[in-house]
Amino acid sequence: AASNTGSLLALLGYPLLVEPNLVLVHQSKVWAA
């Protein structure tokens, strides 16, 4: 349940929060961190 909650929030958060606020280069660096 915890892991799938993370999956769900990641999928919904990407188009709503991540993509509008971070360019791809920064997205990749944050993911690496």
PDB file of all heavy atoms in Angstrom:
ATOM      1  N   ALA A   1       0.830  -1.201   0.000  1.00  0.00           N
ATOM      2  CA  ALA A   1       0.000   0.000   0.000  1.00  0.00           C
ATOM      3  C   ALA A   1       0.864   1.251   0.000  1.00  0.00           C
ATOM      4  O   ALA A   1       0.576   2.224  -0.705  1.00  0.00           O
ATOM      5  CB  ALA A   1      -0.933  -0.003   1.207  1.00  0.00           C
ATOM      6  N   ALA A   2       1.961   1.238   0.780  1.00  0.00           N
ATOM      7  CA  ALA A   2       2.869   2.389   0.814  1.00  0.00           C
ATOM      8  C   ALA A   2       3.550   2.587  -0.526  1.00  0.00           C
ATOM      9  O   ALA A   2       3.656   3.715  -1.034  1.00  0.00           O
ATOM     10  CB  ALA A   2       3.916   2.201   1.918  1.00  0.00           C
ATOM     11  N   SER A   3       4.014   1.494  -1.139  1.00  0.00           N
ATOM     12  CA  SER A   3       4.728   1.619  -2.408  1.00  0.00           C
ATOM     13  C   SER A   3       3.789   2.073  -3.527  1.00  0.00           C
ATOM     14  O   SER A   3       4.150   2.924  -4.348  1.00  0.00           O
ATOM     15  CB  SER A   3       5.401   0.294  -2.780  1.00  0.00           C
ATOM     16  OG  SER A   3       4.435  -0.717  -2.990  1.00  0.00           O
ATOM     17  N   ASN A   4       2.577   1.556  -3.553  1.00  0.00           N
ATOM     18  CA  ASN A   4       1.653   1.951  -4.613  1.00  0.00           C
ATOM     19  C   ASN A   4       1.102   3.348  -4.399  1.00  0.00           C
ATOM     20  O   ASN A   4       0.725   4.022  -5.357  1.00  0.00           O
ATOM     21  CB  ASN A   4       0.525   0.933  -4.732  1.00  0.00           C
ATOM     22  CG  ASN A   4       0.969  -0.340  -5.438  1.00  0.00           C
ATOM     23  OD1 ASN A   4       1.214  -0.348  -6.633  1.00  0.00           O
ATOM     24  ND2 ASN A   4       1.103  -1.414  -4.680  1.00  0.00           N
ATOM     25  N   THR A   5       1.052   3.799  -3.143  1.00  0.00           N
ATOM     26  CA  THR A   5       0.711   5.194  -2.899  1.00  0.00           C
ATOM     27  C   THR A   5       1.786   6.104  -3.470  1.00  0.00           C
ATOM     28  O   THR A   5       1.483   7.140  -4.089  1.00  0.00           O
ATOM     29  CB  THR A   5       0.546   5.455  -1.396  1.00  0.00           C
ATOM     30  OG1 THR A   5      -0.489   4.617  -0.877  1.00  0.00           O
ATOM     31  CG2 THR A   5       0.185   6.905  -1.123  1.00  0.00           C
ATOM     32  N   GLY A   6       3.048   5.727  -3.285  1.00  0.00           N
ATOM     33  CA  GLY A   6       4.142   6.491  -3.886  1.00  0.00           C
ATOM     34  C   GLY A   6       4.050   6.506  -5.400  1.00  0.00           C
ATOM     35  O   GLY A   6       4.283   7.543  -6.038  1.00  0.00           O
ATOM     36  N   SER A   7       3.687   5.367  -5.996  1.00  0.00           N
ATOM     37  CA  SER A   7       3.527   5.295  -7.443  1.00  0.00           C
ATOM     38  C   SER A   7       2.425   6.235  -7.916  1.00  0.00           C
ATOM     39  O   SER A   7       2.592   6.979  -8.893  1.00  0.00           O
ATOM     40  CB  SER A   7       3.190   3.859  -7.857  1.00  0.00           C
ATOM     41  OG  SER A   7       4.152   2.948  -7.388  1.00  0.00           O
ATOM     42  N   LEU A   8       1.313   6.207  -7.207  1.00  0.00           N
ATOM     43  CA  LEU A   8       0.168   7.034  -7.594  1.00  0.00           C
ATOM     44  C   LEU A   8       0.492   8.514  -7.488  1.00  0.00           C
ATOM     45  O   LEU A   8       0.215   9.301  -8.406  1.00  0.00           O
ATOM     46  CB  LEU A   8      -1.024   6.689  -6.703  1.00  0.00           C
ATOM     47  CG  LEU A   8      -2.320   7.467  -6.924  1.00  0.00           C
ATOM     48  CD1 LEU A   8      -2.854   7.209  -8.325  1.00  0.00           C
ATOM     49  CD2 LEU A   8      -3.353   7.085  -5.882  1.00  0.00           C
ATOM     50  N   LEU A   9       1.107   8.919  -6.375  1.00  0.00           N
ATOM     51  CA  LEU A   9       1.437  10.332  -6.188  1.00  0.00           C
ATOM     52  C   LEU A   9       2.485  10.797  -7.195  1.00  0.00           C
ATOM     53  O   LEU A   9       2.448  11.939  -7.663  1.00  0.00           O
ATOM     54  CB  LEU A   9       1.938  10.567  -4.758  1.00  0.00           C
ATOM     55  CG  LEU A   9       0.889  10.375  -3.655  1.00  0.00           C
ATOM     56  CD1 LEU A   9       1.514  10.625  -2.296  1.00  0.00           C
ATOM     57  CD2 LEU A   9      -0.303  11.298  -3.874  1.00  0.00           C
ATOM     58  N   ALA A  10       3.432   9.919  -7.543  1.00  0.00           N
ATOM     59  CA  ALA A  10       4.446  10.282  -8.530  1.00  0.00           C
ATOM     60  C   ALA A  10       3.816  10.527  -9.891  1.00  0.00           C
ATOM     61  O   ALA A  10       4.140  11.502 -10.583  1.00  0.00           O
ATOM     62  CB  ALA A  10       5.501   9.183  -8.621  1.00  0.00           C
ATOM     63  N   LEU A  11       2.903   9.654 -10.286  1.00  0.00           N
ATOM     64  CA  LEU A  11       2.278   9.791 -11.597  1.00  0.00           C
ATOM     65  C   LEU A  11       1.404  11.039 -11.685  1.00  0.00           C
ATOM     66  O   LEU A  11       1.388  11.732 -12.702  1.00  0.00           O
ATOM     67  CB  LEU A  11       1.441   8.551 -11.894  1.00  0.00           C
ATOM     68  CG  LEU A  11       2.243   7.272 -12.180  1.00  0.00           C
ATOM     69  CD1 LEU A  11       1.324   6.071 -12.224  1.00  0.00           C
ATOM     70  CD2 LEU A  11       3.013   7.394 -13.485  1.00  0.00           C
ATOM     71  N   LEU A  12       0.669  11.322 -10.596  1.00  0.00           N
ATOM     72  CA  LEU A  12      -0.179  12.508 -10.610  1.00  0.00           C
ATOM     73  C   LEU A  12       0.635  13.780 -10.394  1.00  0.00           C
ATOM     74  O   LEU A  12       0.297  14.840 -10.929  1.00  0.00           O
ATOM     75  CB  LEU A  12      -1.259  12.392  -9.526  1.00  0.00           C
ATOM     76  CG  LEU A  12      -2.281  11.272  -9.716  1.00  0.00           C
ATOM     77  CD1 LEU A  12      -3.269  11.257  -8.559  1.00  0.00           C
ATOM     78  CD2 LEU A  12      -3.015  11.419 -11.038  1.00  0.00           C
ATOM     79  N   GLY A  13       1.700  13.668  -9.612  1.00  0.00           N
ATOM     80  CA  GLY A  13       2.508  14.849  -9.313  1.00  0.00           C
ATOM     81  C   GLY A  13       3.363  15.306 -10.473  1.00  0.00           C
ATOM     82  O   GLY A  13       3.699  16.497 -10.566  1.00  0.00           O
ATOM     83  N   TYR A  14       3.711  14.383 -11.383  1.00  0.00           N
ATOM     84  CA  TYR A  14       4.589  14.792 -12.483  1.00  0.00           C
ATOM     85  C   TYR A  14       3.937  15.835 -13.390  1.00  0.00           C
ATOM     86  O   TYR A  14       4.504  16.917 -13.596  1.00  0.00           O
ATOM     87  CB  TYR A  14       5.039  13.583 -13.301  1.00  0.00           C
ATOM     88  CG  TYR A  14       6.036  13.982 -14.368  1.00  0.00           C
ATOM     89  CD1 TYR A  14       7.381  14.117 -14.055  1.00  0.00           C
ATOM     90  CD2 TYR A  14       5.628  14.268 -15.670  1.00  0.00           C
ATOM     91  CE1 TYR A  14       8.303  14.518 -15.011  1.00  0.00           C
ATOM     92  CE2 TYR A  14       6.538  14.666 -16.631  1.00  0.00           C
ATOM     93  CZ  TYR A  14       7.877  14.793 -16.294  1.00  0.00           C
ATOM     94  OH  TYR A  14       8.783  15.206 -17.229  1.00  0.00           O
ATOM     95  N   PRO A  15       2.764  15.581 -13.958  1.00  0.00           N
ATOM     96  CA  PRO A  15       2.185  16.609 -14.856  1.00  0.00           C
ATOM     97  C   PRO A  15       1.689  17.843 -14.112  1.00  0.00           C
ATOM     98  O   PRO A  15       1.604  18.920 -14.701  1.00  0.00           O
ATOM     99  CB  PRO A  15       1.034  15.872 -15.542  1.00  0.00           C
ATOM    100  CG  PRO A  15       0.656  14.792 -14.593  1.00  0.00           C
ATOM    101  CD  PRO A  15       1.920  14.373 -13.912  1.00  0.00           C
ATOM    102  N   LEU A  16       1.355  17.698 -12.821  1.00  0.00           N
ATOM    103  CA  LEU A  16       0.782  18.822 -12.082  1.00  0.00           C
ATOM    104  C   LEU A  16       1.818  19.676 -11.366  1.00  0.00           C
ATOM    105  O   LEU A  16       1.644  20.897 -11.239  1.00  0.00           O
ATOM    106  CB  LEU A  16      -0.242  18.311 -11.064  1.00  0.00           C
ATOM    107  CG  LEU A  16      -1.444  17.550 -11.645  1.00  0.00           C
ATOM    108  CD1 LEU A  16      -2.334  17.040 -10.525  1.00  0.00           C
ATOM    109  CD2 LEU A  16      -2.234  18.438 -12.605  1.00  0.00           C
ATOM    110  N   LEU A  17       2.910  19.076 -10.898  1.00  0.00           N
ATOM    111  CA  LEU A  17       3.890  19.808 -10.099  1.00  0.00           C
ATOM    112  C   LEU A  17       5.293  19.804 -10.713  1.00  0.00           C
ATOM    113  O   LEU A  17       5.942  20.851 -10.803  1.00  0.00           O
ATOM    114  CB  LEU A  17       3.955  19.206  -8.682  1.00  0.00           C
ATOM    115  CG  LEU A  17       2.663  19.286  -7.854  1.00  0.00           C
ATOM    116  CD1 LEU A  17       2.849  18.545  -6.535  1.00  0.00           C
ATOM    117  CD2 LEU A  17       2.271  20.735  -7.610  1.00  0.00           C
ATOM    118  N   VAL A  18       5.770  18.626 -11.100  1.00  0.00           N
ATOM    119  CA  VAL A  18       7.170  18.510 -11.543  1.00  0.00           C
ATOM    120  C   VAL A  18       7.368  19.161 -12.902  1.00  0.00           C
ATOM    121  O   VAL A  18       8.239  20.029 -13.070  1.00  0.00           O
ATOM    122  CB  VAL A  18       7.596  17.032 -11.585  1.00  0.00           C
ATOM    123  CG1 VAL A  18       9.029  16.912 -12.109  1.00  0.00           C
ATOM    124  CG2 VAL A  18       7.500  16.413 -10.192  1.00  0.00           C
ATOM    125  N   GLU A  19       6.591  18.736 -13.887  1.00  0.00           N
ATOM    126  CA  GLU A  19       6.785  19.231 -15.253  1.00  0.00           C
ATOM    127  C   GLU A  19       6.625  20.746 -15.379  1.00  0.00           C
ATOM    128  O   GLU A  19       7.441  21.392 -16.050  1.00  0.00           O
ATOM    129  CB  GLU A  19       5.818  18.510 -16.201  1.00  0.00           C
ATOM    130  CG  GLU A  19       6.053  18.839 -17.665  1.00  0.00           C
ATOM    131  CD  GLU A  19       5.084  18.108 -18.574  1.00  0.00           C
ATOM    132  OE1 GLU A  19       4.055  17.622 -18.065  1.00  0.00           O
ATOM    133  OE2 GLU A  19       5.347  18.031 -19.779  1.00  0.00           O
ATOM    134  N   PRO A  20       5.632  21.386 -14.734  1.00  0.00           N
ATOM    135  CA  PRO A  20       5.501  22.839 -14.895  1.00  0.00           C
ATOM    136  C   PRO A  20       6.596  23.649 -14.209  1.00  0.00           C
ATOM    137  O   PRO A  20       6.828  24.801 -14.569  1.00  0.00           O
ATOM    138  CB  PRO A  20       4.137  23.147 -14.257  1.00  0.00           C
ATOM    139  CG  PRO A  20       3.427  21.847 -14.176  1.00  0.00           C
ATOM    140  CD  PRO A  20       4.501  20.822 -13.987  1.00  0.00           C
ATOM    141  N   ASN A  21       7.292  23.064 -13.213  1.00  0.00           N
ATOM    142  CA  ASN A  21       8.217  23.838 -12.398  1.00  0.00           C
ATOM    143  C   ASN A  21       9.689  23.510 -12.597  1.00  0.00           C
ATOM    144  O   ASN A  21      10.548  24.271 -12.154  1.00  0.00           O
ATOM    145  CB  ASN A  21       7.870  23.648 -10.912  1.00  0.00           C
ATOM    146  CG  ASN A  21       6.496  24.177 -10.569  1.00  0.00           C
ATOM    147  OD1 ASN A  21       6.221  25.361 -10.707  1.00  0.00           O
ATOM    148  ND2 ASN A  21       5.600  23.297 -10.125  1.00  0.00           N
ATOM    149  N   LEU A  22       9.982  22.380 -13.235  1.00  0.00           N
ATOM    150  CA  LEU A  22      11.381  21.991 -13.430  1.00  0.00           C
ATOM    151  C   LEU A  22      11.624  21.617 -14.880  1.00  0.00           C
ATOM    152  O   LEU A  22      10.842  20.862 -15.464  1.00  0.00           O
ATOM    153  CB  LEU A  22      11.740  20.793 -12.532  1.00  0.00           C
ATOM    154  CG  LEU A  22      11.780  21.019 -11.018  1.00  0.00           C
ATOM    155  CD1 LEU A  22      12.029  19.694 -10.310  1.00  0.00           C
ATOM    156  CD2 LEU A  22      12.856  22.033 -10.640  1.00  0.00           C
ATOM    157  N   VAL A  23      12.702  22.128 -15.441  1.00  0.00           N
ATOM    158  CA  VAL A  23      13.097  21.696 -16.781  1.00  0.00           C
ATOM    159  C   VAL A  23      13.672  20.292 -16.681  1.00  0.00           C
ATOM    160  O   VAL A  23      14.012  19.805 -15.597  1.00  0.00           O
ATOM    161  CB  VAL A  23      14.128  22.668 -17.395  1.00  0.00           C
ATOM    162  CG1 VAL A  23      13.533  24.049 -17.562  1.00  0.00           C
ATOM    163  CG2 VAL A  23      15.389  22.721 -16.543  1.00  0.00           C
ATOM    164  N   LEU A  24      13.800  19.617 -17.811  1.00  0.00           N
ATOM    165  CA  LEU A  24      14.193  18.217 -17.803  1.00  0.00           C
ATOM    166  C   LEU A  24      15.560  17.989 -17.159  1.00  0.00           C
ATOM    167  O   LEU A  24      15.777  16.990 -16.456  1.00  0.00           O
ATOM    168  CB  LEU A  24      14.186  17.666 -19.231  1.00  0.00           C
ATOM    169  CG  LEU A  24      12.806  17.330 -19.805  1.00  0.00           C
ATOM    170  CD1 LEU A  24      12.909  16.967 -21.278  1.00  0.00           C
ATOM    171  CD2 LEU A  24      12.174  16.189 -19.021  1.00  0.00           C
ATOM    172  N   VAL A  25      16.485  18.894 -17.383  1.00  0.00           N
ATOM    173  CA  VAL A  25      17.825  18.733 -16.795  1.00  0.00           C
ATOM    174  C   VAL A  25      17.739  18.711 -15.281  1.00  0.00           C
ATOM    175  O   VAL A  25      18.353  17.871 -14.610  1.00  0.00           O
ATOM    176  CB  VAL A  25      18.762  19.863 -17.276  1.00  0.00           C
ATOM    177  CG1 VAL A  25      20.097  19.779 -16.555  1.00  0.00           C
ATOM    178  CG2 VAL A  25      18.967  19.776 -18.789  1.00  0.00           C
ATOM    179  N   HIS A  26      16.964  19.628 -14.715  1.00  0.00           N
ATOM    180  CA  HIS A  26      16.814  19.680 -13.268  1.00  0.00           C
ATOM    181  C   HIS A  26      16.007  18.489 -12.748  1.00  0.00           C
ATOM    182  O   HIS A  26      16.283  17.978 -11.655  1.00  0.00           O
ATOM    183  CB  HIS A  26      16.157  20.994 -12.861  1.00  0.00           C
ATOM    184  CG  HIS A  26      17.008  22.191 -13.129  1.00  0.00           C
ATOM    185  ND1 HIS A  26      16.496  23.482 -13.236  1.00  0.00           N
ATOM    186  CD2 HIS A  26      18.347  22.314 -13.327  1.00  0.00           C
ATOM    187  CE1 HIS A  26      17.478  24.327 -13.476  1.00  0.00           C
ATOM    188  NE2 HIS A  26      18.606  23.642 -13.547  1.00  0.00           N
ATOM    189  N   GLN A  27      15.004  18.062 -13.516  1.00  0.00           N
ATOM    190  CA  GLN A  27      14.259  16.870 -13.120  1.00  0.00           C
ATOM    191  C   GLN A  27      15.193  15.667 -12.982  1.00  0.00           C
ATOM    192  O   GLN A  27      15.099  14.898 -12.011  1.00  0.00           O
ATOM    193  CB  GLN A  27      13.186  16.562 -14.163  1.00  0.00           C
ATOM    194  CG  GLN A  27      12.043  17.550 -14.231  1.00  0.00           C
ATOM    195  CD  GLN A  27      11.064  17.202 -15.332  1.00  0.00           C
ATOM    196  OE1 GLN A  27      10.909  16.030 -15.705  1.00  0.00           O
ATOM    197  NE2 GLN A  27      10.392  18.201 -15.882  1.00  0.00           N
ATOM    198  N   SER A  28      16.070  15.506 -13.942  1.00  0.00           N
ATOM    199  CA  SER A  28      16.989  14.375 -13.923  1.00  0.00           C
ATOM    200  C   SER A  28      17.945  14.449 -12.743  1.00  0.00           C
ATOM    201  O   SER A  28      18.257  13.435 -12.102  1.00  0.00           O
ATOM    202  CB  SER A  28      17.773  14.323 -15.243  1.00  0.00           C
ATOM    203  OG  SER A  28      18.563  13.165 -15.307  1.00  0.00           O
ATOM    204  N   LYS A  29      18.405  15.659 -12.416  1.00  0.00           N
ATOM    205  CA  LYS A  29      19.318  15.813 -11.280  1.00  0.00           C
ATOM    206  C   LYS A  29      18.610  15.535  -9.957  1.00  0.00           C
ATOM    207  O   LYS A  29      19.179  14.909  -9.053  1.00  0.00           O
ATOM    208  CB  LYS A  29      19.914  17.217 -11.283  1.00  0.00           C
ATOM    209  CG  LYS A  29      20.903  17.459 -12.416  1.00  0.00           C
ATOM    210  CD  LYS A  29      21.469  18.869 -12.368  1.00  0.00           C
ATOM    211  CE  LYS A  29      22.473  19.091 -13.495  1.00  0.00           C
ATOM    212  NZ  LYS A  29      23.028  20.469 -13.471  1.00  0.00           N
ATOM    213  N   VAL A  30      17.373  15.998  -9.828  1.00  0.00           N
ATOM    214  CA  VAL A  30      16.606  15.723  -8.610  1.00  0.00           C
ATOM    215  C   VAL A  30      16.349  14.225  -8.471  1.00  0.00           C
ATOM    216  O   VAL A  30      16.430  13.659  -7.378  1.00  0.00           O
ATOM    217  CB  VAL A  30      15.279  16.515  -8.621  1.00  0.00           C
ATOM    218  CG1 VAL A  30      14.370  16.067  -7.486  1.00  0.00           C
ATOM    219  CG2 VAL A  30      15.559  18.010  -8.509  1.00  0.00           C
ATOM    220  N   TRP A  31      16.044  13.574  -9.586  1.00  0.00           N
ATOM    221  CA  TRP A  31      15.825  12.128  -9.545  1.00  0.00           C
ATOM    222  C   TRP A  31      17.097  11.411  -9.105  1.00  0.00           C
ATOM    223  O   TRP A  31      17.033  10.461  -8.309  1.00  0.00           O
ATOM    224  CB  TRP A  31      15.385  11.628 -10.917  1.00  0.00           C
ATOM    225  CG  TRP A  31      14.771  10.251 -10.881  1.00  0.00           C
ATOM    226  CD1 TRP A  31      13.449   9.944 -10.775  1.00  0.00           C
ATOM    227  CD2 TRP A  31      15.474   8.995 -10.942  1.00  0.00           C
ATOM    228  NE1 TRP A  31      13.280   8.580 -10.763  1.00  0.00           N
ATOM    229  CE2 TRP A  31      14.492   7.974 -10.857  1.00  0.00           C
ATOM    230  CE3 TRP A  31      16.811   8.638 -11.048  1.00  0.00           C
ATOM    231  CZ2 TRP A  31      14.828   6.620 -10.881  1.00  0.00           C
ATOM    232  CZ3 TRP A  31      17.146   7.288 -11.058  1.00  0.00           C
ATOM    233  CH2 TRP A  31      16.159   6.297 -10.992  1.00  0.00           C
ATOM    234  N   ALA A  32      18.249  11.850  -9.612  1.00  0.00           N
ATOM    235  CA  ALA A  32      19.522  11.241  -9.207  1.00  0.00           C
ATOM    236  C   ALA A  32      19.765  11.415  -7.713  1.00  0.00           C
ATOM    237  O   ALA A  32      20.223  10.499  -7.027  1.00  0.00           O
ATOM    238  CB  ALA A  32      20.665  11.845 -10.017  1.00  0.00           C
ATOM    239  N   ALA A  33      19.443  12.608  -7.186  1.00  0.00           N
ATOM    240  CA  ALA A  33      19.588  12.842  -5.746  1.00  0.00           C
ATOM    241  C   ALA A  33      18.652  11.929  -4.957  1.00  0.00           C
ATOM    242  O   ALA A  33      19.030  11.396  -3.899  1.00  0.00           O
ATOM    243  CB  ALA A  33      19.301  14.307  -5.426  1.00  0.00           C
TER     244      ALA A  33
END
